[in-house]
Protein backbone atom coordinates (compact mmCIF):
# COMPACT_ATOMS: atom_id res chain seq x y z
CA MET A 1 35.86 67.41 159.06
CA ASP A 2 39.27 68.06 157.41
CA SER A 3 39.09 69.26 153.82
CA LEU A 4 40.90 67.38 151.19
CA PRO A 5 44.29 68.74 150.16
CA PRO A 6 44.05 70.78 146.98
CA GLY A 7 44.94 68.91 143.66
CA PRO A 8 47.56 69.93 141.23
CA PRO A 9 47.05 73.08 139.33
CA LEU A 10 44.99 72.90 136.14
CA GLN A 11 48.01 73.67 133.99
CA VAL A 12 49.84 70.63 135.60
CA ARG A 13 46.81 68.42 134.92
CA GLN A 14 46.49 69.52 131.35
CA ALA A 15 50.19 68.91 130.90
CA ARG A 16 49.90 65.36 132.26
CA ARG A 17 46.88 64.63 130.00
CA ARG A 18 48.96 65.85 126.92
CA SER A 19 51.89 63.62 128.06
CA ARG A 20 49.68 60.63 128.45
CA GLY A 21 48.06 61.21 125.10
CA LEU A 22 51.44 61.73 123.32
CA SER A 23 52.76 58.49 124.89
CA ALA A 24 49.67 56.56 123.86
CA ALA A 25 50.01 57.88 120.26
CA LEU A 26 53.69 57.02 120.13
CA GLY A 27 52.96 53.56 121.58
CA HIS A 28 50.34 52.92 118.92
CA LEU A 29 52.64 54.22 116.13
CA THR A 30 55.51 52.07 117.22
CA GLY A 31 53.23 49.17 117.70
CA ASN A 32 52.10 49.24 114.12
CA ARG A 33 54.58 47.24 112.13
CA ILE A 34 53.94 48.89 108.93
CA ALA A 35 54.14 52.36 110.38
CA LEU A 36 57.35 51.58 112.24
CA ALA A 37 58.94 50.18 108.93
CA GLY A 38 57.86 53.29 107.19
CA LEU A 39 59.23 55.58 109.72
CA VAL A 40 62.53 53.78 109.73
CA LEU A 41 62.83 54.04 105.89
CA VAL A 42 61.88 57.73 106.04
CA LEU A 43 64.52 58.42 108.70
CA ILE A 44 67.06 56.57 106.70
CA SER A 45 66.35 58.81 103.67
CA VAL A 46 66.10 61.94 105.50
CA GLY A 47 69.13 61.22 107.71
CA SER A 48 71.25 60.27 104.73
CA ALA A 49 70.31 63.59 103.02
CA ILE A 50 71.17 65.65 106.13
CA LEU A 51 74.52 63.78 106.83
CA ALA A 52 75.40 63.69 103.18
CA PRO A 53 78.68 65.71 103.59
CA LEU A 54 79.75 63.38 106.38
CA LEU A 55 78.91 60.19 104.56
CA THR A 56 80.21 60.78 101.24
CA PRO A 57 83.69 59.71 100.24
CA PHE A 58 84.12 62.32 97.43
CA PRO A 59 82.71 65.71 96.47
CA PRO A 60 79.62 65.17 94.26
CA ASP A 61 81.00 66.84 91.23
CA ALA A 62 84.56 65.62 91.44
CA MET A 63 85.43 63.82 88.22
CA ASP A 64 88.11 61.03 87.79
CA TYR A 65 88.65 60.30 84.05
CA GLN A 66 90.65 57.25 85.00
CA ALA A 67 87.67 55.61 86.65
CA MET A 68 84.69 56.37 84.31
CA LEU A 69 81.98 53.79 84.73
CA ALA A 70 83.92 51.89 87.27
CA GLU A 71 82.22 48.96 88.97
CA PRO A 72 81.36 49.20 92.70
CA SER A 73 84.40 48.68 94.89
CA LEU A 74 85.79 49.60 98.31
CA VAL A 75 86.87 53.05 96.87
CA HIS A 76 83.49 53.60 95.16
CA PRO A 77 80.83 51.54 97.01
CA LEU A 78 78.27 52.20 94.35
CA GLY A 79 80.64 52.66 91.35
CA THR A 80 81.10 55.77 89.24
CA ASP A 81 79.16 57.56 86.52
CA ASP A 82 80.11 58.38 82.90
CA LEU A 83 82.30 61.21 84.08
CA GLY A 84 84.01 59.29 86.81
CA ARG A 85 81.97 60.88 89.62
CA ASP A 86 81.24 58.78 92.62
CA VAL A 87 77.61 57.56 92.51
CA LEU A 88 77.14 57.31 96.13
CA SER A 89 78.31 60.91 96.70
CA ARG A 90 75.95 62.20 94.01
CA MET A 91 73.02 60.16 95.22
CA LEU A 92 73.30 61.28 98.74
CA HIS A 93 73.77 64.94 97.82
CA GLY A 94 70.85 64.53 95.27
CA ALA A 95 68.72 63.25 98.05
CA ARG A 96 68.91 66.72 99.61
CA LEU A 97 67.48 68.39 96.50
CA SER A 98 64.90 65.81 95.76
CA LEU A 99 63.57 65.75 99.28
CA ALA A 100 63.75 69.62 99.74
CA VAL A 101 61.76 70.17 96.53
CA SER A 102 59.17 67.52 97.61
CA MET A 103 58.94 69.06 101.07
CA GLY A 104 58.49 72.51 99.65
CA ALA A 105 55.92 71.41 97.20
CA VAL A 106 53.83 69.64 99.87
CA LEU A 107 54.06 72.53 102.37
CA LEU A 108 53.05 75.03 99.66
CA ALA A 109 50.09 72.83 98.60
CA VAL A 110 48.98 72.58 102.26
CA ALA A 111 49.40 76.29 102.88
CA ILE A 112 47.15 77.12 99.88
CA GLY A 113 44.79 74.08 99.66
CA VAL A 114 43.82 73.94 103.31
CA PRO A 115 42.59 77.62 103.57
CA LEU A 116 40.76 77.32 100.29
CA GLY A 117 38.95 74.18 101.46
CA LEU A 118 38.24 75.78 104.80
CA VAL A 119 36.65 78.80 103.13
CA ALA A 120 34.66 76.71 100.64
CA GLY A 121 33.27 74.27 103.20
CA TYR A 122 32.44 76.85 105.92
CA VAL A 123 31.03 79.75 103.75
CA GLY A 124 29.42 77.75 101.09
CA GLY A 125 27.26 79.40 98.49
CA LEU A 126 28.79 80.92 95.23
CA ILE A 127 32.33 80.90 96.70
CA ASP A 128 32.06 77.14 97.33
CA GLU A 129 30.68 76.59 93.83
CA ALA A 130 33.38 78.61 92.07
CA LEU A 131 36.27 77.06 94.05
CA MET A 132 34.97 73.51 93.52
CA ARG A 133 34.57 74.01 89.78
CA LEU A 134 38.10 75.24 89.55
CA VAL A 135 39.34 72.31 91.60
CA ASP A 136 37.37 69.87 89.42
CA SER A 137 38.89 71.33 86.28
CA LEU A 138 42.48 70.70 87.66
CA MET A 139 41.55 67.38 88.90
CA ALA A 140 40.14 66.30 85.59
CA LEU A 141 43.80 66.04 84.08
CA PRO A 142 46.31 63.41 85.17
CA SER A 143 48.43 64.99 87.86
CA LEU A 144 51.78 63.94 86.45
CA VAL A 145 50.86 65.13 82.91
CA LEU A 146 49.71 68.44 84.34
CA ALA A 147 52.85 68.95 86.36
CA LEU A 148 55.10 68.16 83.33
CA THR A 149 53.06 70.68 81.38
CA ILE A 150 53.30 73.40 83.94
CA THR A 151 57.04 72.81 84.42
CA ALA A 152 57.51 72.87 80.50
CA VAL A 153 55.62 76.29 80.38
CA LEU A 154 57.53 77.84 83.44
CA GLY A 155 60.87 76.53 82.14
CA PRO A 156 63.36 74.03 83.46
CA GLY A 157 64.47 74.36 87.07
CA LEU A 158 63.97 72.85 90.49
CA VAL A 159 61.97 75.95 91.74
CA ASN A 160 59.60 75.69 88.72
CA ALA A 161 59.32 71.99 89.37
CA MET A 162 58.38 72.62 92.98
CA LEU A 163 55.70 75.06 92.02
CA ALA A 164 54.30 72.67 89.37
CA ILE A 165 54.03 69.85 91.97
CA ALA A 166 52.42 72.24 94.51
CA ILE A 167 49.79 73.42 91.86
CA VAL A 168 48.75 69.83 91.02
CA SER A 169 48.49 68.85 94.65
CA ILE A 170 46.43 71.86 95.85
CA PRO A 171 43.14 70.54 94.62
CA THR A 172 43.43 67.24 96.72
CA PHE A 173 44.00 69.16 99.83
CA THR A 174 41.25 71.69 99.06
CA ARG A 175 38.63 69.02 98.30
CA LEU A 176 39.59 66.97 101.36
CA MET A 177 39.58 69.96 103.68
CA ARG A 178 36.18 71.06 102.28
CA GLY A 179 34.65 67.65 103.05
CA GLN A 180 36.04 67.58 106.57
CA VAL A 181 34.71 71.00 107.36
CA LEU A 182 31.25 70.17 105.99
CA SER A 183 31.22 67.27 108.46
CA VAL A 184 32.71 69.10 111.47
CA LYS A 185 30.53 72.17 111.18
CA GLN A 186 27.43 69.98 111.72
CA ASN A 187 28.50 69.08 115.29
CA GLU A 188 26.80 70.39 118.30
CA TYR A 189 29.81 72.04 119.79
CA VAL A 190 29.98 74.33 116.59
CA ALA A 191 26.36 75.16 116.86
CA ALA A 192 26.81 75.96 120.60
CA ALA A 193 29.71 78.21 119.91
CA HIS A 194 27.59 80.08 117.45
CA ALA A 195 24.64 80.22 119.90
CA VAL A 196 26.69 81.93 122.61
CA GLY A 197 27.97 84.56 120.15
CA VAL A 198 31.47 83.44 119.33
CA ARG A 199 32.75 85.14 116.28
CA PRO A 200 32.84 82.97 113.15
CA SER A 201 36.54 83.56 112.72
CA LEU A 202 37.15 82.14 116.16
CA VAL A 203 34.71 79.17 115.64
CA VAL A 204 36.81 78.33 112.55
CA LEU A 205 40.23 78.61 114.22
CA ARG A 206 39.32 76.96 117.58
CA HIS A 207 36.63 74.36 116.80
CA VAL A 208 36.45 73.67 112.99
CA LEU A 209 40.10 73.68 111.86
CA PRO A 210 41.69 71.51 114.69
CA ASN A 211 39.03 68.86 114.28
CA ALA A 212 39.43 68.71 110.50
CA MET A 213 43.19 68.45 110.25
CA ASN A 214 43.82 64.75 110.97
CA PRO A 215 42.98 63.60 107.37
CA VAL A 216 45.07 66.38 105.97
CA ILE A 217 48.08 65.19 107.99
CA VAL A 218 47.77 61.75 106.52
CA GLN A 219 47.30 63.07 103.05
CA ALA A 220 50.34 65.23 103.48
CA SER A 221 52.51 62.25 104.27
CA LEU A 222 51.24 60.32 101.30
CA ALA A 223 51.73 63.41 99.14
CA PHE A 224 55.44 63.29 99.81
CA GLY A 225 55.74 60.07 98.01
CA PHE A 226 53.81 61.58 95.02
CA ALA A 227 56.06 64.71 95.05
CA ILE A 228 59.18 62.49 95.00
CA ILE A 229 58.05 60.57 92.06
CA THR A 230 56.79 63.67 90.16
CA GLU A 231 60.10 65.54 90.80
CA SER A 232 62.04 62.49 89.62
CA SER A 233 59.88 62.23 86.46
CA VAL A 234 60.38 65.98 85.77
CA SER A 235 64.20 65.70 86.24
CA PHE A 236 64.28 62.57 84.09
CA LEU A 237 62.77 64.43 81.24
CA GLY A 238 65.34 67.26 81.63
CA LEU A 239 62.88 69.80 83.06
CA GLY A 240 64.04 69.68 86.67
CA ALA A 241 67.70 69.90 87.91
CA GLN A 242 70.17 70.99 85.24
CA PRO A 243 73.65 69.44 84.91
CA PRO A 244 75.88 69.28 86.83
CA THR A 245 73.40 69.39 89.67
CA ALA A 246 72.45 65.94 90.90
CA THR A 247 68.91 64.72 91.84
CA TRP A 248 67.66 61.17 91.91
CA GLY A 249 65.59 61.73 88.67
CA SER A 250 68.44 63.35 86.72
CA MET A 251 70.85 60.50 87.74
CA VAL A 252 68.42 57.83 86.58
CA GLN A 253 67.97 59.73 83.28
CA VAL A 254 71.78 59.64 82.58
CA GLY A 255 72.27 56.23 84.02
CA PHE A 256 69.52 54.89 81.77
CA GLN A 257 71.78 55.39 78.75
CA TYR A 258 74.48 53.16 80.25
CA LEU A 259 72.00 50.53 81.70
CA GLU A 260 73.85 47.62 79.97
CA LEU A 261 77.32 48.82 80.59
CA ALA A 262 76.85 50.17 84.16
CA PRO A 263 73.59 49.16 85.64
CA TRP A 264 74.49 50.41 89.11
CA PHE A 265 74.59 53.93 87.71
CA ALA A 266 70.75 53.96 87.34
CA LEU A 267 69.76 51.28 89.77
CA ALA A 268 71.25 53.18 92.86
CA PRO A 269 69.16 56.34 92.61
CA ALA A 270 66.11 54.26 91.41
CA ALA A 271 66.40 52.28 94.59
CA ALA A 272 66.65 55.51 96.64
CA ILE A 273 63.44 56.84 95.11
CA PHE A 274 61.70 53.43 95.83
CA VAL A 275 62.75 53.39 99.44
CA ALA A 276 61.75 57.01 100.11
CA VAL A 277 58.41 56.68 98.42
CA LEU A 278 57.65 53.31 100.12
CA GLY A 279 58.64 54.79 103.57
CA PHE A 280 56.34 57.85 103.27
CA ASN A 281 53.41 55.66 102.04
CA MET A 282 53.86 53.19 104.85
CA LEU A 283 54.12 56.03 107.45
CA GLY A 284 50.97 57.54 105.97
CA GLU A 285 49.11 54.34 106.49
CA GLY A 286 50.29 54.24 110.02
CA LEU A 287 49.30 57.79 110.66
CA ARG A 288 45.79 57.01 109.21
CA ASP A 289 45.41 54.27 111.70
CA LEU A 290 46.62 56.40 114.47
CA LEU A 291 44.47 59.54 113.73
CA ASP A 292 41.32 57.76 112.56
CA PRO A 293 40.03 55.29 115.19
CA THR A 294 37.45 53.82 112.80
CA THR A 295 40.11 52.37 110.55
CA ARG A 296 42.72 51.24 113.23
CA SER A 297 44.28 47.86 112.56
CA ARG A 298 46.40 45.90 114.78
CA GLY A 299 49.45 46.47 112.55
């Protein structure tokens, strides 16, 4: 009897499964109307920031004393500010800093909070108790107030604002990761790995961490919205970007003083904040539906 022809190599089969899984994930994400709308808003915000030098009609700090507080026109689509600077140019260049600070803060919070939660949940004991009491003490204070306090202590500046946002975000990721680890490490495949003598560090890296990351990814997307709002609040109070550097929060702060004379001055960056935060929140909801089958909706 003729033997069956050999199938494709294992690597090829694995690649095909990954490709089908990725296609299914993208199909679900694009099929969710809320997630798709959020992705579009995020791409608009990020794309505008990246392409700011190509999209802006004037340098962000170029002043025109003959056109101070000019109304929106073909020359200045969003008008000018109190020094005659083009609002559109400053808003798009400000998006770069606002989004960069937010991204840096979230990445730093994930880089610190996830390992802390992993250690607390997997090791347990006194280490878990000590870390959780520290996390509880930080979470007892309102996040925005704590971020403003930390920034005031460290001093004005975008780097200090980024550090403050990261510090107040770390407890959320730590507690979330700890809860996931406590759940994952009860699974049979973790017990089986221990039974066959796999080193604890490999068990954590190969079995526990990958299976506990989905909620962290969702939380990171939602944390971007919080980081943008917090950075804008810090800059609004004068503790973030310093003149003449433009961020969304600092533009709203200055434009607020001319709200009756030139409402476009404050409304344009405020609308940019709204669009970016809404986009990240909607995308986070879509990612939650995608990564957690128990909460999937039809979109």
